[in-house]
Amino acid sequence: MVEEGDDIIDETLYYFKSNMLFKTFEIKGIADRVMLYLTLYTHQCLMRLQGVNKDQAPNKLFALAMESFVCPGEAGFPLTSFYPQATAAELSSWREYMKQCRVELGQRLVEKVFLYPEPSGTGNKHWLQFSKERLMDKALEK
């Protein structure tokens, strides 16, 4: 359950499984846009965790977080219709904020996939199964 004091990453991970089943996603504000992007990023992380053990997972997800990624308004960004036009300065701020979110989300996701409810070397199948799903038929990588 999302509690007082939880941040957008906690909320994204808490609602991830149910959000992945949506065919549409209603945007009511900036937080919804961030959650939508982070949901797609979580999916991308789960795709990268396929066949990875708990010792390799943190490094794999940190490397993914540091990879170059497309921003709203750039060619190839899958959520263009959900984001308004932005200035170069706004995109730069967005990129830096998302990089921080990607790193933090990766660290917390490793805990969920490999350590909760009990330590597992192979990963929690109830999380990893969502690597095969697509939110609104969109993904950050094919």
N, C-alpha and C. Protein backbone atom coordinates (compact mmCIF):
# COMPACT_ATOMS: atom_id res chain seq x y z
N MET A 1 0.84 -1.17 0.00
CA MET A 1 0.00 0.00 0.00
C MET A 1 0.89 1.24 0.00
N VAL A 2 0.48 2.24 -0.77
CA VAL A 2 1.20 3.50 -0.79
C VAL A 2 0.83 4.27 0.47
N GLU A 3 1.84 4.71 1.20
CA GLU A 3 1.61 5.39 2.47
C GLU A 3 2.13 6.81 2.42
N GLU A 4 1.75 7.58 3.42
CA GLU A 4 2.25 8.95 3.55
C GLU A 4 3.77 8.91 3.60
N GLY A 5 4.42 9.75 2.84
CA GLY A 5 5.87 9.79 2.82
C GLY A 5 6.48 8.98 1.69
N ASP A 6 5.68 8.16 1.00
CA ASP A 6 6.19 7.43 -0.14
C ASP A 6 6.39 8.39 -1.30
N ASP A 7 7.34 8.10 -2.15
CA ASP A 7 7.60 8.98 -3.29
C ASP A 7 7.07 8.37 -4.58
N ILE A 8 7.34 9.03 -5.70
CA ILE A 8 6.81 8.60 -6.99
C ILE A 8 7.34 7.23 -7.38
N ILE A 9 8.53 6.89 -6.94
CA ILE A 9 9.09 5.58 -7.28
C ILE A 9 8.37 4.47 -6.51
N ASP A 10 8.12 4.71 -5.21
CA ASP A 10 7.33 3.74 -4.44
C ASP A 10 5.95 3.55 -5.07
N GLU A 11 5.35 4.65 -5.45
CA GLU A 11 4.01 4.60 -6.05
C GLU A 11 4.04 3.86 -7.39
N THR A 12 5.05 4.12 -8.19
CA THR A 12 5.18 3.42 -9.48
C THR A 12 5.31 1.92 -9.28
N LEU A 13 6.16 1.51 -8.35
CA LEU A 13 6.35 0.08 -8.11
C LEU A 13 5.10 -0.55 -7.49
N TYR A 14 4.41 0.18 -6.64
CA TYR A 14 3.21 -0.35 -6.00
C TYR A 14 2.11 -0.60 -7.05
N TYR A 15 1.92 0.34 -7.96
CA TYR A 15 0.85 0.24 -8.95
C TYR A 15 1.29 -0.38 -10.27
N PHE A 16 2.55 -0.77 -10.38
CA PHE A 16 3.08 -1.26 -11.65
C PHE A 16 2.24 -2.38 -12.25
N LYS A 17 1.99 -3.42 -11.51
CA LYS A 17 1.30 -4.59 -12.05
C LYS A 17 -0.10 -4.24 -12.55
N SER A 18 -0.83 -3.47 -11.78
CA SER A 18 -2.18 -3.10 -12.22
C SER A 18 -2.12 -2.14 -13.39
N ASN A 19 -1.18 -1.19 -13.37
CA ASN A 19 -1.06 -0.24 -14.49
C ASN A 19 -0.71 -0.94 -15.79
N MET A 20 0.07 -2.00 -15.74
CA MET A 20 0.46 -2.72 -16.95
C MET A 20 -0.73 -3.35 -17.65
N LEU A 21 -1.81 -3.53 -16.95
CA LEU A 21 -2.99 -4.16 -17.55
C LEU A 21 -3.93 -3.15 -18.21
N PHE A 22 -3.66 -1.85 -18.01
CA PHE A 22 -4.51 -0.82 -18.59
C PHE A 22 -4.35 -0.74 -20.10
N LYS A 23 -5.44 -0.44 -20.78
CA LYS A 23 -5.40 -0.19 -22.22
C LYS A 23 -5.31 1.31 -22.50
N THR A 24 -5.67 2.12 -21.50
CA THR A 24 -5.55 3.58 -21.59
C THR A 24 -4.98 4.07 -20.27
N PHE A 25 -4.51 5.30 -20.29
CA PHE A 25 -3.94 5.88 -19.08
C PHE A 25 -4.35 7.33 -19.05
N GLU A 26 -5.14 7.71 -18.07
CA GLU A 26 -5.62 9.08 -17.97
C GLU A 26 -4.58 9.95 -17.28
N ILE A 27 -4.21 11.04 -17.95
CA ILE A 27 -3.23 11.97 -17.41
C ILE A 27 -3.97 13.13 -16.76
N LYS A 28 -3.77 13.29 -15.46
CA LYS A 28 -4.40 14.39 -14.72
C LYS A 28 -3.38 15.45 -14.32
N GLY A 29 -2.12 15.16 -14.45
CA GLY A 29 -1.10 16.12 -14.05
C GLY A 29 0.29 15.61 -14.34
N ILE A 30 1.27 16.37 -13.89
CA ILE A 30 2.67 16.05 -14.14
C ILE A 30 3.06 14.71 -13.50
N ALA A 31 2.57 14.45 -12.32
CA ALA A 31 2.91 13.20 -11.63
C ALA A 31 2.46 11.99 -12.43
N ASP A 32 1.32 12.10 -13.11
CA ASP A 32 0.86 10.98 -13.94
C ASP A 32 1.80 10.74 -15.12
N ARG A 33 2.33 11.81 -15.69
CA ARG A 33 3.29 11.67 -16.79
C ARG A 33 4.57 10.98 -16.30
N VAL A 34 5.03 11.38 -15.13
CA VAL A 34 6.23 10.76 -14.56
C VAL A 34 5.96 9.29 -14.28
N MET A 35 4.82 8.99 -13.68
CA MET A 35 4.49 7.60 -13.37
C MET A 35 4.37 6.77 -14.65
N LEU A 36 3.79 7.33 -15.69
CA LEU A 36 3.66 6.62 -16.95
C LEU A 36 5.04 6.27 -17.51
N TYR A 37 5.94 7.25 -17.54
CA TYR A 37 7.28 6.98 -18.03
C TYR A 37 7.98 5.95 -17.16
N LEU A 38 7.89 6.10 -15.84
CA LEU A 38 8.57 5.17 -14.94
C LEU A 38 7.97 3.76 -15.02
N THR A 39 6.70 3.66 -15.34
CA THR A 39 6.09 2.34 -15.55
C THR A 39 6.70 1.68 -16.77
N LEU A 40 6.86 2.44 -17.85
CA LEU A 40 7.51 1.88 -19.03
C LEU A 40 8.97 1.54 -18.75
N TYR A 41 9.62 2.37 -17.95
CA TYR A 41 11.01 2.08 -17.60
C TYR A 41 11.12 0.82 -16.74
N THR A 42 10.18 0.63 -15.82
CA THR A 42 10.16 -0.59 -15.00
C THR A 42 10.03 -1.81 -15.90
N HIS A 43 9.16 -1.71 -16.91
CA HIS A 43 9.00 -2.80 -17.88
C HIS A 43 10.33 -3.07 -18.58
N GLN A 44 11.02 -2.01 -18.99
CA GLN A 44 12.31 -2.16 -19.65
C GLN A 44 13.31 -2.85 -18.72
N CYS A 45 13.30 -2.48 -17.46
CA CYS A 45 14.18 -3.12 -16.46
C CYS A 45 13.88 -4.61 -16.35
N LEU A 46 12.61 -4.95 -16.28
CA LEU A 46 12.23 -6.36 -16.15
C LEU A 46 12.66 -7.16 -17.38
N MET A 47 12.60 -6.52 -18.55
CA MET A 47 13.07 -7.20 -19.76
C MET A 47 14.57 -7.48 -19.65
N ARG A 48 15.32 -6.55 -19.11
CA ARG A 48 16.77 -6.71 -18.96
C ARG A 48 17.13 -7.70 -17.86
N LEU A 49 16.22 -7.92 -16.91
CA LEU A 49 16.50 -8.85 -15.81
C LEU A 49 16.23 -10.31 -16.17
N GLN A 50 15.67 -10.56 -17.33
CA GLN A 50 15.43 -11.94 -17.74
C GLN A 50 16.75 -12.69 -17.81
N GLY A 51 16.85 -13.81 -17.10
CA GLY A 51 18.05 -14.64 -17.12
C GLY A 51 19.22 -14.09 -16.32
N VAL A 52 18.98 -13.07 -15.52
CA VAL A 52 20.04 -12.46 -14.71
C VAL A 52 19.87 -12.92 -13.27
N ASN A 53 20.98 -13.15 -12.57
CA ASN A 53 20.87 -13.54 -11.16
C ASN A 53 20.95 -12.30 -10.27
N LYS A 54 20.71 -12.49 -8.98
CA LYS A 54 20.64 -11.35 -8.05
C LYS A 54 21.97 -10.62 -7.90
N ASP A 55 23.08 -11.28 -8.17
CA ASP A 55 24.38 -10.62 -8.07
C ASP A 55 24.66 -9.71 -9.27
N GLN A 56 24.14 -10.09 -10.43
CA GLN A 56 24.34 -9.31 -11.65
C GLN A 56 23.32 -8.18 -11.79
N ALA A 57 22.17 -8.33 -11.18
CA ALA A 57 21.04 -7.42 -11.39
C ALA A 57 21.34 -5.95 -11.07
N PRO A 58 21.93 -5.63 -9.91
CA PRO A 58 22.17 -4.20 -9.63
C PRO A 58 23.05 -3.52 -10.68
N ASN A 59 24.11 -4.19 -11.11
CA ASN A 59 25.01 -3.62 -12.12
C ASN A 59 24.31 -3.48 -13.46
N LYS A 60 23.51 -4.47 -13.80
CA LYS A 60 22.77 -4.45 -15.08
C LYS A 60 21.81 -3.26 -15.12
N LEU A 61 21.08 -3.04 -14.02
CA LEU A 61 20.11 -1.95 -14.00
C LEU A 61 20.78 -0.58 -13.86
N PHE A 62 21.92 -0.52 -13.18
CA PHE A 62 22.64 0.75 -13.11
C PHE A 62 23.15 1.13 -14.50
N ALA A 63 23.68 0.16 -15.22
CA ALA A 63 24.15 0.42 -16.59
C ALA A 63 23.00 0.89 -17.48
N LEU A 64 21.84 0.27 -17.32
CA LEU A 64 20.66 0.69 -18.09
C LEU A 64 20.28 2.13 -17.74
N ALA A 65 20.31 2.47 -16.48
CA ALA A 65 19.95 3.83 -16.06
C ALA A 65 20.90 4.87 -16.65
N MET A 66 22.15 4.50 -16.84
CA MET A 66 23.15 5.44 -17.36
C MET A 66 23.17 5.52 -18.88
N GLU A 67 22.49 4.58 -19.54
CA GLU A 67 22.43 4.61 -21.01
C GLU A 67 21.71 5.87 -21.48
N SER A 68 22.04 6.29 -22.67
CA SER A 68 21.35 7.42 -23.28
C SER A 68 19.90 7.01 -23.55
N PHE A 69 18.98 7.95 -23.36
CA PHE A 69 17.57 7.65 -23.60
C PHE A 69 16.89 8.85 -24.24
N VAL A 70 15.81 8.58 -24.97
CA VAL A 70 15.10 9.65 -25.66
C VAL A 70 14.17 10.38 -24.71
N CYS A 71 14.01 11.66 -24.96
CA CYS A 71 13.16 12.53 -24.15
C CYS A 71 11.91 12.91 -24.93
N PRO A 72 10.92 13.45 -24.25
CA PRO A 72 9.73 13.94 -24.96
C PRO A 72 10.12 14.95 -26.03
N GLY A 73 9.54 14.79 -27.19
CA GLY A 73 9.84 15.69 -28.30
C GLY A 73 10.93 15.17 -29.22
N GLU A 74 11.69 14.18 -28.79
CA GLU A 74 12.73 13.59 -29.63
C GLU A 74 12.15 12.42 -30.40
N ALA A 75 12.72 12.15 -31.55
CA ALA A 75 12.28 11.03 -32.38
C ALA A 75 12.45 9.72 -31.60
N GLY A 76 11.45 8.89 -31.65
CA GLY A 76 11.51 7.60 -30.98
C GLY A 76 10.94 7.57 -29.58
N PHE A 77 10.55 8.73 -29.05
CA PHE A 77 9.96 8.74 -27.70
C PHE A 77 8.54 8.17 -27.80
N PRO A 78 8.24 7.08 -27.07
CA PRO A 78 6.96 6.38 -27.24
C PRO A 78 5.75 7.10 -26.63
N LEU A 79 5.96 8.11 -25.82
CA LEU A 79 4.84 8.75 -25.13
C LEU A 79 4.62 10.19 -25.58
N THR A 80 5.00 10.51 -26.80
CA THR A 80 4.92 11.87 -27.29
C THR A 80 3.53 12.48 -27.12
N SER A 81 2.50 11.71 -27.34
CA SER A 81 1.13 12.24 -27.25
C SER A 81 0.73 12.59 -25.81
N PHE A 82 1.47 12.13 -24.83
CA PHE A 82 1.15 12.40 -23.42
C PHE A 82 1.91 13.59 -22.85
N TYR A 83 2.90 14.09 -23.59
CA TYR A 83 3.76 15.17 -23.10
C TYR A 83 3.58 16.42 -23.94
N PRO A 84 3.48 17.58 -23.30
CA PRO A 84 3.40 18.83 -24.05
C PRO A 84 4.78 19.21 -24.61
N GLN A 85 4.79 20.14 -25.55
CA GLN A 85 6.05 20.66 -26.07
C GLN A 85 6.85 21.27 -24.93
N ALA A 86 8.15 21.12 -24.99
CA ALA A 86 9.00 21.63 -23.92
C ALA A 86 10.18 22.38 -24.52
N THR A 87 10.73 23.29 -23.75
CA THR A 87 11.92 24.02 -24.18
C THR A 87 13.15 23.14 -23.96
N ALA A 88 14.26 23.56 -24.51
CA ALA A 88 15.52 22.82 -24.34
C ALA A 88 15.91 22.74 -22.87
N ALA A 89 15.70 23.83 -22.13
CA ALA A 89 16.04 23.84 -20.71
C ALA A 89 15.15 22.86 -19.93
N GLU A 90 13.86 22.82 -20.27
CA GLU A 90 12.94 21.89 -19.60
C GLU A 90 13.32 20.44 -19.91
N LEU A 91 13.71 20.18 -21.15
CA LEU A 91 14.12 18.82 -21.52
C LEU A 91 15.40 18.42 -20.80
N SER A 92 16.31 19.35 -20.63
CA SER A 92 17.54 19.06 -19.91
C SER A 92 17.24 18.72 -18.45
N SER A 93 16.36 19.50 -17.83
CA SER A 93 15.95 19.22 -16.44
C SER A 93 15.24 17.89 -16.35
N TRP A 94 14.37 17.61 -17.33
CA TRP A 94 13.63 16.35 -17.35
C TRP A 94 14.59 15.17 -17.45
N ARG A 95 15.58 15.29 -18.33
CA ARG A 95 16.55 14.21 -18.52
C ARG A 95 17.32 13.94 -17.22
N GLU A 96 17.77 14.98 -16.54
CA GLU A 96 18.51 14.80 -15.29
C GLU A 96 17.63 14.18 -14.20
N TYR A 97 16.40 14.66 -14.10
CA TYR A 97 15.48 14.10 -13.10
C TYR A 97 15.19 12.64 -13.41
N MET A 98 14.95 12.32 -14.67
CA MET A 98 14.66 10.93 -15.03
C MET A 98 15.87 10.03 -14.81
N LYS A 99 17.05 10.55 -15.02
CA LYS A 99 18.25 9.73 -14.77
C LYS A 99 18.32 9.36 -13.30
N GLN A 100 18.05 10.33 -12.41
CA GLN A 100 18.03 10.05 -10.98
C GLN A 100 16.93 9.03 -10.65
N CYS A 101 15.76 9.21 -11.23
CA CYS A 101 14.64 8.29 -10.99
C CYS A 101 14.97 6.89 -11.49
N ARG A 102 15.60 6.81 -12.65
CA ARG A 102 15.96 5.50 -13.23
C ARG A 102 16.92 4.75 -12.31
N VAL A 103 17.92 5.45 -11.78
CA VAL A 103 18.88 4.81 -10.88
C VAL A 103 18.17 4.30 -9.62
N GLU A 104 17.38 5.16 -9.01
CA GLU A 104 16.68 4.80 -7.77
C GLU A 104 15.66 3.69 -8.00
N LEU A 105 14.93 3.77 -9.10
CA LEU A 105 13.93 2.74 -9.40
C LEU A 105 14.62 1.39 -9.59
N GLY A 106 15.75 1.38 -10.28
CA GLY A 106 16.49 0.14 -10.49
C GLY A 106 16.92 -0.51 -9.18
N GLN A 107 17.40 0.31 -8.25
CA GLN A 107 17.83 -0.22 -6.95
C GLN A 107 16.65 -0.82 -6.20
N ARG A 108 15.53 -0.13 -6.19
CA ARG A 108 14.36 -0.64 -5.46
C ARG A 108 13.74 -1.84 -6.16
N LEU A 109 13.80 -1.87 -7.48
CA LEU A 109 13.24 -3.00 -8.21
C LEU A 109 14.02 -4.28 -7.94
N VAL A 110 15.34 -4.17 -7.84
CA VAL A 110 16.15 -5.35 -7.52
C VAL A 110 15.70 -5.94 -6.18
N GLU A 111 15.43 -5.08 -5.21
CA GLU A 111 14.95 -5.56 -3.92
C GLU A 111 13.63 -6.31 -4.07
N LYS A 112 12.73 -5.77 -4.86
CA LYS A 112 11.41 -6.41 -5.03
C LYS A 112 11.53 -7.74 -5.79
N VAL A 113 12.33 -7.75 -6.84
CA VAL A 113 12.42 -8.94 -7.69
C VAL A 113 13.24 -10.05 -7.05
N PHE A 114 14.32 -9.69 -6.34
CA PHE A 114 15.22 -10.72 -5.84
C PHE A 114 15.20 -10.91 -4.32
N LEU A 115 14.69 -9.98 -3.56
CA LEU A 115 14.78 -10.10 -2.11
C LEU A 115 13.44 -10.20 -1.40
N TYR A 116 12.34 -9.93 -2.08
CA TYR A 116 11.04 -9.92 -1.41
C TYR A 116 10.15 -10.97 -2.02
N PRO A 117 9.46 -11.80 -1.29
CA PRO A 117 9.34 -11.88 0.16
C PRO A 117 10.50 -12.58 0.82
N GLU A 118 11.30 -13.31 0.04
CA GLU A 118 12.51 -13.93 0.59
C GLU A 118 13.59 -13.91 -0.48
N PRO A 119 14.84 -13.92 -0.08
CA PRO A 119 15.91 -13.87 -1.07
C PRO A 119 15.82 -15.00 -2.09
N SER A 120 16.00 -14.65 -3.36
CA SER A 120 15.92 -15.62 -4.44
C SER A 120 17.04 -15.34 -5.42
N GLY A 121 17.69 -16.35 -5.87
CA GLY A 121 18.77 -16.17 -6.84
C GLY A 121 18.26 -15.96 -8.25
N THR A 122 17.04 -16.42 -8.52
CA THR A 122 16.54 -16.39 -9.89
C THR A 122 15.52 -15.29 -10.14
N GLY A 123 14.99 -14.68 -9.15
CA GLY A 123 14.02 -13.61 -9.35
C GLY A 123 12.59 -14.08 -9.14
N ASN A 124 11.76 -13.17 -8.73
CA ASN A 124 10.37 -13.44 -8.43
C ASN A 124 9.57 -13.54 -9.74
N LYS A 125 8.99 -14.68 -10.01
CA LYS A 125 8.27 -14.88 -11.27
C LYS A 125 7.05 -13.97 -11.39
N HIS A 126 6.51 -13.54 -10.27
CA HIS A 126 5.34 -12.66 -10.30
C HIS A 126 5.70 -11.25 -10.77
N TRP A 127 6.97 -10.90 -10.70
CA TRP A 127 7.44 -9.64 -11.27
C TRP A 127 7.94 -9.86 -12.68
N LEU A 128 8.77 -10.86 -12.88
CA LEU A 128 9.40 -11.07 -14.17
C LEU A 128 8.42 -11.40 -15.28
N GLN A 129 7.26 -11.94 -14.94
CA GLN A 129 6.27 -12.26 -15.97
C GLN A 129 5.79 -11.01 -16.70
N PHE A 130 5.91 -9.85 -16.06
CA PHE A 130 5.44 -8.62 -16.68
C PHE A 130 6.40 -8.10 -17.75
N SER A 131 7.53 -8.75 -17.93
CA SER A 131 8.43 -8.36 -19.02
C SER A 131 7.81 -8.69 -20.37
N LYS A 132 6.83 -9.57 -20.37
CA LYS A 132 6.17 -9.98 -21.60
C LYS A 132 4.96 -9.12 -21.94
N GLU A 133 4.51 -8.32 -20.99
CA GLU A 133 3.36 -7.43 -21.20
C GLU A 133 3.82 -6.10 -21.76
N ARG A 134 2.87 -5.34 -22.31
CA ARG A 134 3.17 -4.00 -22.80
C ARG A 134 2.06 -3.08 -22.34
N LEU A 135 2.45 -1.93 -21.83
CA LEU A 135 1.48 -0.92 -21.39
C LEU A 135 1.01 -0.16 -22.62
N MET A 136 -0.29 -0.23 -22.90
CA MET A 136 -0.90 0.48 -24.03
C MET A 136 -0.14 0.19 -25.33
N ASP A 137 0.39 -0.99 -25.45
CA ASP A 137 1.16 -1.43 -26.62
C ASP A 137 2.37 -0.53 -26.88
N LYS A 138 2.97 -0.02 -25.80
CA LYS A 138 4.16 0.83 -25.91
C LYS A 138 5.27 0.21 -25.07
N ALA A 139 6.50 0.51 -25.46
CA ALA A 139 7.67 0.06 -24.71
C ALA A 139 8.83 1.00 -25.00
N LEU A 140 9.78 1.10 -24.08
CA LEU A 140 10.95 1.94 -24.29
C LEU A 140 11.97 1.26 -25.19
N GLU A 141 11.92 -0.06 -25.25
CA GLU A 141 12.77 -0.80 -26.19
C GLU A 141 11.96 -1.96 -26.71
N LYS A 142 12.32 -2.41 -27.88
CA LYS A 142 11.56 -3.47 -28.55
C LYS A 142 11.89 -4.82 -28.01
